[in-house]
């Protein structure tokens, strides 16, 4: 069972295969591995202790960041995520990032963003589209159109609780005018926009 894997100078943590989206461009639609990893489909969700034990095989000083990003939405396991992040921060200054669809507050039925303060450095939220209608059509969220406004609110609430908040879109899936709208939206809530390549 693959709990961690390496991409460039980052250690990635694979907490869950659950996700409230089913995005048409999601990399997990194309196979069980990514960037040379082992199979990322989990037999079960790991405990914090299991993930921390797996991290012992790395020298953290050799890496630039730890990223909660596997084959699922990491905030589905928010308590486990925060327990792991706190344990890492207790012994290292390595940067911690979460790659999320921004549904964490909907998933958990509460505002989870204060939990990030002091333990998560960067929150990267997949915005994906410039409006709710396109978001539903492309990402197929289980929360319906509510998901789009909720992810924007999640990102906005994350701004005071993390060092940096990033909204991301996939380069080849949006026209330039929509990317411009997404950039304006990111700036309006105190975040930045990242246009990531389709991989």
C-alpha atoms as a PDB file:
ATOM      1  CA  UNK A   1       0.000   0.000   0.000  1.00  0.00           C
ATOM      2  CA  UNK A   2       1.610   3.264  -1.142  1.00  0.00           C
ATOM      3  CA  UNK A   3       1.388   5.889   1.587  1.00  0.00           C
ATOM      4  CA  UNK A   4       4.092   8.238   0.303  1.00  0.00           C
ATOM      5  CA  UNK A   5       5.857   8.895  -2.990  1.00  0.00           C
ATOM      6  CA  UNK A   6       8.315  11.437  -4.367  1.00  0.00           C
ATOM      7  CA  UNK A   7       7.812  14.022  -7.102  1.00  0.00           C
ATOM      8  CA  UNK A   8      10.888  16.141  -7.796  1.00  0.00           C
ATOM      9  CA  UNK A   9      11.875  17.637  -4.409  1.00  0.00           C
ATOM     10  CA  UNK A  10       8.576  16.889  -2.694  1.00  0.00           C
ATOM     11  CA  UNK A  11       7.315  13.999  -0.578  1.00  0.00           C
ATOM     12  CA  UNK A  12       3.655  13.337  -1.345  1.00  0.00           C
ATOM     13  CA  UNK A  13       1.265  11.755   1.162  1.00  0.00           C
ATOM     14  CA  UNK A  14      -1.553   9.525  -0.102  1.00  0.00           C
ATOM     15  CA  UNK A  15      -4.214   9.573   2.650  1.00  0.00           C
ATOM     16  CA  UNK A  16      -7.385   8.483   0.889  1.00  0.00           C
ATOM     17  CA  UNK A  17      -9.018   7.496  -2.387  1.00  0.00           C
ATOM     18  CA  UNK A  18     -12.285   9.235  -1.489  1.00  0.00           C
ATOM     19  CA  UNK A  19     -13.077  12.392  -3.446  1.00  0.00           C
ATOM     20  CA  UNK A  20     -16.176  14.571  -3.711  1.00  0.00           C
ATOM     21  CA  UNK A  21     -15.333  15.342  -7.352  1.00  0.00           C
ATOM     22  CA  UNK A  22     -14.973  13.190 -10.434  1.00  0.00           C
ATOM     23  CA  UNK A  23     -13.044  15.586 -12.673  1.00  0.00           C
ATOM     24  CA  UNK A  24     -12.865  14.640 -16.347  1.00  0.00           C
ATOM     25  CA  UNK A  25      -9.171  15.576 -16.543  1.00  0.00           C
ATOM     26  CA  UNK A  26      -8.103  13.936 -13.248  1.00  0.00           C
ATOM     27  CA  UNK A  27      -4.866  12.016 -13.598  1.00  0.00           C
ATOM     28  CA  UNK A  28      -6.262   9.054 -11.671  1.00  0.00           C
ATOM     29  CA  UNK A  29      -8.682   8.398 -14.553  1.00  0.00           C
ATOM     30  CA  UNK A  30      -5.720   7.119 -16.559  1.00  0.00           C
ATOM     31  CA  UNK A  31      -4.139   4.508 -14.302  1.00  0.00           C
ATOM     32  CA  UNK A  32      -3.080   3.519 -10.792  1.00  0.00           C
ATOM     33  CA  UNK A  33       0.268   5.360 -10.686  1.00  0.00           C
ATOM     34  CA  UNK A  34       1.666   8.849 -11.182  1.00  0.00           C
ATOM     35  CA  UNK A  35       5.201  10.204 -11.688  1.00  0.00           C
ATOM     36  CA  UNK A  36       6.711   6.745 -11.273  1.00  0.00           C
ATOM     37  CA  UNK A  37       4.944   5.944  -7.998  1.00  0.00           C
ATOM     38  CA  UNK A  38       3.690   2.540  -6.955  1.00  0.00           C
ATOM     39  CA  UNK A  39      -0.056   1.819  -7.115  1.00  0.00           C
ATOM     40  CA  UNK A  40      -1.887   4.676  -5.349  1.00  0.00           C
ATOM     41  CA  UNK A  41      -5.191   2.837  -4.933  1.00  0.00           C
ATOM     42  CA  UNK A  42      -5.316   2.094  -1.205  1.00  0.00           C
ATOM     43  CA  UNK A  43      -6.511  -1.107   0.449  1.00  0.00           C
ATOM     44  CA  UNK A  44      -7.739   1.102   3.320  1.00  0.00           C
ATOM     45  CA  UNK A  45      -7.063   4.564   4.683  1.00  0.00           C
ATOM     46  CA  UNK A  46      -3.875   4.683   6.750  1.00  0.00           C
ATOM     47  CA  UNK A  47      -3.579   5.942  10.315  1.00  0.00           C
ATOM     48  CA  UNK A  48      -1.431   8.934  11.191  1.00  0.00           C
ATOM     49  CA  UNK A  49       1.000   6.564  12.898  1.00  0.00           C
ATOM     50  CA  UNK A  50       1.395   4.493   9.733  1.00  0.00           C
ATOM     51  CA  UNK A  51       2.091   7.551   7.591  1.00  0.00           C
ATOM     52  CA  UNK A  52       4.583   8.973  10.087  1.00  0.00           C
ATOM     53  CA  UNK A  53       6.346   5.609  10.236  1.00  0.00           C
ATOM     54  CA  UNK A  54       6.541   5.565   6.430  1.00  0.00           C
ATOM     55  CA  UNK A  55       8.023   9.070   6.423  1.00  0.00           C
ATOM     56  CA  UNK A  56      10.931   7.772   8.531  1.00  0.00           C
ATOM     57  CA  UNK A  57      12.508   6.350   5.372  1.00  0.00           C
ATOM     58  CA  UNK A  58      13.197   9.884   4.110  1.00  0.00           C
ATOM     59  CA  UNK A  59      15.742  12.480   5.187  1.00  0.00           C
ATOM     60  CA  UNK A  60      13.442  15.491   5.315  1.00  0.00           C
ATOM     61  CA  UNK A  61      16.352  17.894   4.892  1.00  0.00           C
ATOM     62  CA  UNK A  62      16.834  16.471   1.376  1.00  0.00           C
ATOM     63  CA  UNK A  63      13.385  17.673   0.281  1.00  0.00           C
ATOM     64  CA  UNK A  64      11.711  21.061  -0.182  1.00  0.00           C
ATOM     65  CA  UNK A  65       8.173  20.215   0.863  1.00  0.00           C
ATOM     66  CA  UNK A  66       5.662  17.655   1.999  1.00  0.00           C
ATOM     67  CA  UNK A  67       2.412  17.617   0.024  1.00  0.00           C
ATOM     68  CA  UNK A  68      -0.882  16.053   1.002  1.00  0.00           C
ATOM     69  CA  UNK A  69      -1.918  14.914  -2.472  1.00  0.00           C
ATOM     70  CA  UNK A  70      -2.617  11.346  -3.511  1.00  0.00           C
ATOM     71  CA  UNK A  71      -5.452   9.592  -5.290  1.00  0.00           C
ATOM     72  CA  UNK A  72      -8.187  11.333  -3.300  1.00  0.00           C
ATOM     73  CA  UNK A  73      -9.196  14.513  -1.487  1.00  0.00           C
ATOM     74  CA  UNK A  74      -6.983  14.871   1.608  1.00  0.00           C
ATOM     75  CA  UNK A  75      -9.519  16.869   3.641  1.00  0.00           C
ATOM     76  CA  UNK A  76     -11.707  13.755   3.666  1.00  0.00           C
ATOM     77  CA  UNK A  77      -9.280  12.715   6.440  1.00  0.00           C
ATOM     78  CA  UNK A  78      -8.770  16.119   8.047  1.00  0.00           C
ATOM     79  CA  UNK A  79      -8.038  14.885  11.584  1.00  0.00           C
ATOM     80  CA  UNK A  80      -5.407  12.436  10.339  1.00  0.00           C
ATOM     81  CA  UNK A  81      -3.925  15.126   8.079  1.00  0.00           C
ATOM     82  CA  UNK A  82      -3.581  17.644  10.910  1.00  0.00           C
ATOM     83  CA  UNK A  83      -2.125  15.047  13.283  1.00  0.00           C
ATOM     84  CA  UNK A  84       0.542  14.186  10.712  1.00  0.00           C
ATOM     85  CA  UNK A  85       1.276  17.838   9.903  1.00  0.00           C
ATOM     86  CA  UNK A  86       1.683  18.729  13.590  1.00  0.00           C
ATOM     87  CA  UNK A  87       4.079  15.820  14.119  1.00  0.00           C
ATOM     88  CA  UNK A  88       6.160  16.884  11.109  1.00  0.00           C
ATOM     89  CA  UNK A  89       6.277  20.530  12.224  1.00  0.00           C
ATOM     90  CA  UNK A  90       7.369  19.444  15.706  1.00  0.00           C
ATOM     91  CA  UNK A  91      10.641  18.157  14.290  1.00  0.00           C
ATOM     92  CA  UNK A  92      11.186  19.973  10.983  1.00  0.00           C
ATOM     93  CA  UNK A  93      10.721  23.335   9.276  1.00  0.00           C
ATOM     94  CA  UNK A  94       9.931  21.673   5.951  1.00  0.00           C
ATOM     95  CA  UNK A  95       7.142  23.369   4.009  1.00  0.00           C
ATOM     96  CA  UNK A  96       3.759  21.607   4.122  1.00  0.00           C
ATOM     97  CA  UNK A  97       1.225  22.009   1.315  1.00  0.00           C
ATOM     98  CA  UNK A  98      -2.284  20.656   0.784  1.00  0.00           C
ATOM     99  CA  UNK A  99      -3.615  20.119  -2.733  1.00  0.00           C
ATOM    100  CA  UNK A 100      -7.390  20.194  -2.346  1.00  0.00           C
ATOM    101  CA  UNK A 101     -10.620  20.565  -4.274  1.00  0.00           C
ATOM    102  CA  UNK A 102     -11.745  23.087  -1.664  1.00  0.00           C
ATOM    103  CA  UNK A 103     -14.722  21.068  -0.469  1.00  0.00           C
ATOM    104  CA  UNK A 104     -13.255  20.502   2.993  1.00  0.00           C
ATOM    105  CA  UNK A 105     -15.843  22.563   4.841  1.00  0.00           C
ATOM    106  CA  UNK A 106     -18.710  20.851   3.000  1.00  0.00           C
ATOM    107  CA  UNK A 107     -17.202  17.422   3.585  1.00  0.00           C
ATOM    108  CA  UNK A 108     -16.663  17.998   7.311  1.00  0.00           C
ATOM    109  CA  UNK A 109     -19.749  20.083   8.000  1.00  0.00           C
ATOM    110  CA  UNK A 110     -17.734  22.888   9.602  1.00  0.00           C
ATOM    111  CA  UNK A 111     -15.028  25.461   8.894  1.00  0.00           C
ATOM    112  CA  UNK A 112     -11.793  23.461   9.058  1.00  0.00           C
ATOM    113  CA  UNK A 113      -9.495  26.281   7.907  1.00  0.00           C
ATOM    114  CA  UNK A 114      -8.468  27.390  11.446  1.00  0.00           C
ATOM    115  CA  UNK A 115      -6.943  23.915  11.845  1.00  0.00           C
ATOM    116  CA  UNK A 116      -4.299  24.867   9.265  1.00  0.00           C
ATOM    117  CA  UNK A 117      -2.823  27.716  11.290  1.00  0.00           C
ATOM    118  CA  UNK A 118       0.815  27.076  12.168  1.00  0.00           C
ATOM    119  CA  UNK A 119       0.907  23.581  10.633  1.00  0.00           C
ATOM    120  CA  UNK A 120       0.067  23.998   6.933  1.00  0.00           C
ATOM    121  CA  UNK A 121       2.000  26.565   4.900  1.00  0.00           C
ATOM    122  CA  UNK A 122       0.332  26.470   1.490  1.00  0.00           C
ATOM    123  CA  UNK A 123      -3.244  25.640   0.524  1.00  0.00           C
ATOM    124  CA  UNK A 124      -3.595  24.932  -3.198  1.00  0.00           C
ATOM    125  CA  UNK A 125      -7.245  24.842  -4.251  1.00  0.00           C
ATOM    126  CA  UNK A 126      -8.286  23.450  -7.641  1.00  0.00           C
ATOM    127  CA  UNK A 127     -10.602  26.129  -9.023  1.00  0.00           C
ATOM    128  CA  UNK A 128     -10.652  24.573 -12.500  1.00  0.00           C
ATOM    129  CA  UNK A 129     -13.301  26.839 -14.078  1.00  0.00           C
ATOM    130  CA  UNK A 130     -14.481  30.455 -14.101  1.00  0.00           C
ATOM    131  CA  UNK A 131     -18.101  29.694 -13.142  1.00  0.00           C
ATOM    132  CA  UNK A 132     -20.285  27.195 -11.308  1.00  0.00           C
ATOM    133  CA  UNK A 133     -22.020  25.860 -14.420  1.00  0.00           C
ATOM    134  CA  UNK A 134     -18.762  24.797 -16.080  1.00  0.00           C
ATOM    135  CA  UNK A 135     -17.478  23.461 -12.768  1.00  0.00           C
ATOM    136  CA  UNK A 136     -20.435  21.099 -12.431  1.00  0.00           C
ATOM    137  CA  UNK A 137     -20.095  20.004 -16.053  1.00  0.00           C
ATOM    138  CA  UNK A 138     -16.354  19.257 -15.836  1.00  0.00           C
ATOM    139  CA  UNK A 139     -15.790  18.266 -12.198  1.00  0.00           C
ATOM    140  CA  UNK A 140     -19.084  16.481 -11.417  1.00  0.00           C
ATOM    141  CA  UNK A 141     -19.107  17.426  -7.712  1.00  0.00           C
ATOM    142  CA  UNK A 142     -21.307  15.409  -5.400  1.00  0.00           C
ATOM    143  CA  UNK A 143     -22.366  18.710  -3.807  1.00  0.00           C
ATOM    144  CA  UNK A 144     -23.705  20.124  -7.092  1.00  0.00           C
ATOM    145  CA  UNK A 145     -23.493  23.841  -7.886  1.00  0.00           C
ATOM    146  CA  UNK A 146     -23.002  24.645  -4.198  1.00  0.00           C
ATOM    147  CA  UNK A 147     -19.501  23.195  -4.501  1.00  0.00           C
ATOM    148  CA  UNK A 148     -18.138  26.085  -6.574  1.00  0.00           C
ATOM    149  CA  UNK A 149     -19.120  28.906  -4.226  1.00  0.00           C
ATOM    150  CA  UNK A 150     -18.078  26.745  -1.276  1.00  0.00           C
ATOM    151  CA  UNK A 151     -14.566  26.194  -2.631  1.00  0.00           C
ATOM    152  CA  UNK A 152     -14.141  29.944  -3.175  1.00  0.00           C
ATOM    153  CA  UNK A 153     -15.290  30.585   0.404  1.00  0.00           C
ATOM    154  CA  UNK A 154     -12.931  27.854   1.626  1.00  0.00           C
ATOM    155  CA  UNK A 155     -10.013  29.513  -0.157  1.00  0.00           C
ATOM    156  CA  UNK A 156     -10.967  32.920   1.249  1.00  0.00           C
ATOM    157  CA  UNK A 157     -11.191  31.529   4.788  1.00  0.00           C
ATOM    158  CA  UNK A 158      -7.817  29.819   4.324  1.00  0.00           C
ATOM    159  CA  UNK A 159      -6.003  33.106   3.575  1.00  0.00           C
ATOM    160  CA  UNK A 160      -5.571  34.175   7.233  1.00  0.00           C
ATOM    161  CA  UNK A 161      -4.765  30.616   8.296  1.00  0.00           C
ATOM    162  CA  UNK A 162      -1.910  29.776   5.891  1.00  0.00           C
ATOM    163  CA  UNK A 163       1.171  31.525   4.584  1.00  0.00           C
ATOM    164  CA  UNK A 164      -0.089  31.274   1.011  1.00  0.00           C
ATOM    165  CA  UNK A 165      -3.284  30.292  -0.793  1.00  0.00           C
ATOM    166  CA  UNK A 166      -3.213  29.355  -4.465  1.00  0.00           C
ATOM    167  CA  UNK A 167      -6.119  28.792  -6.828  1.00  0.00           C
ATOM    168  CA  UNK A 168      -5.212  26.549  -9.762  1.00  0.00           C
ATOM    169  CA  UNK A 169      -6.625  25.888 -13.205  1.00  0.00           C
ATOM    170  CA  UNK A 170      -5.555  23.467 -15.930  1.00  0.00           C
ATOM    171  CA  UNK A 171      -4.014  25.293 -18.873  1.00  0.00           C
ATOM    172  CA  UNK A 172      -5.524  23.429 -21.819  1.00  0.00           C
ATOM    173  CA  UNK A 173      -9.076  23.248 -20.439  1.00  0.00           C
ATOM    174  CA  UNK A 174      -9.890  26.992 -20.314  1.00  0.00           C
ATOM    175  CA  UNK A 175      -9.908  29.853 -22.836  1.00  0.00           C
ATOM    176  CA  UNK A 176      -7.694  32.838 -22.058  1.00  0.00           C
ATOM    177  CA  UNK A 177     -10.636  35.021 -21.036  1.00  0.00           C
ATOM    178  CA  UNK A 178     -11.666  32.489 -18.386  1.00  0.00           C
ATOM    179  CA  UNK A 179      -8.114  32.289 -17.061  1.00  0.00           C
ATOM    180  CA  UNK A 180      -8.188  36.076 -16.728  1.00  0.00           C
ATOM    181  CA  UNK A 181     -11.447  35.833 -14.755  1.00  0.00           C
ATOM    182  CA  UNK A 182      -9.916  33.203 -12.481  1.00  0.00           C
ATOM    183  CA  UNK A 183      -6.882  35.403 -11.921  1.00  0.00           C
ATOM    184  CA  UNK A 184      -9.111  38.326 -10.940  1.00  0.00           C
ATOM    185  CA  UNK A 185     -11.075  36.076  -8.591  1.00  0.00           C
ATOM    186  CA  UNK A 186      -7.894  34.827  -6.916  1.00  0.00           C
ATOM    187  CA  UNK A 187      -6.642  38.372  -6.375  1.00  0.00           C
ATOM    188  CA  UNK A 188     -10.016  39.468  -4.965  1.00  0.00           C
ATOM    189  CA  UNK A 189      -9.744  36.998  -2.073  1.00  0.00           C
ATOM    190  CA  UNK A 190      -6.040  37.471  -1.369  1.00  0.00           C
ATOM    191  CA  UNK A 191      -4.863  34.367  -3.235  1.00  0.00           C
ATOM    192  CA  UNK A 192      -2.715  33.844  -6.318  1.00  0.00           C
ATOM    193  CA  UNK A 193      -3.513  31.907  -9.499  1.00  0.00           C
ATOM    194  CA  UNK A 194      -1.459  29.020 -10.825  1.00  0.00           C
ATOM    195  CA  UNK A 195      -2.050  27.815 -14.365  1.00  0.00           C
ATOM    196  CA  UNK A 196      -0.856  24.230 -14.321  1.00  0.00           C
ATOM    197  CA  UNK A 197      -0.170  22.062 -17.394  1.00  0.00           C
ATOM    198  CA  UNK A 198      -2.421  19.135 -18.252  1.00  0.00           C
ATOM    199  CA  UNK A 199      -0.460  16.046 -17.201  1.00  0.00           C
END
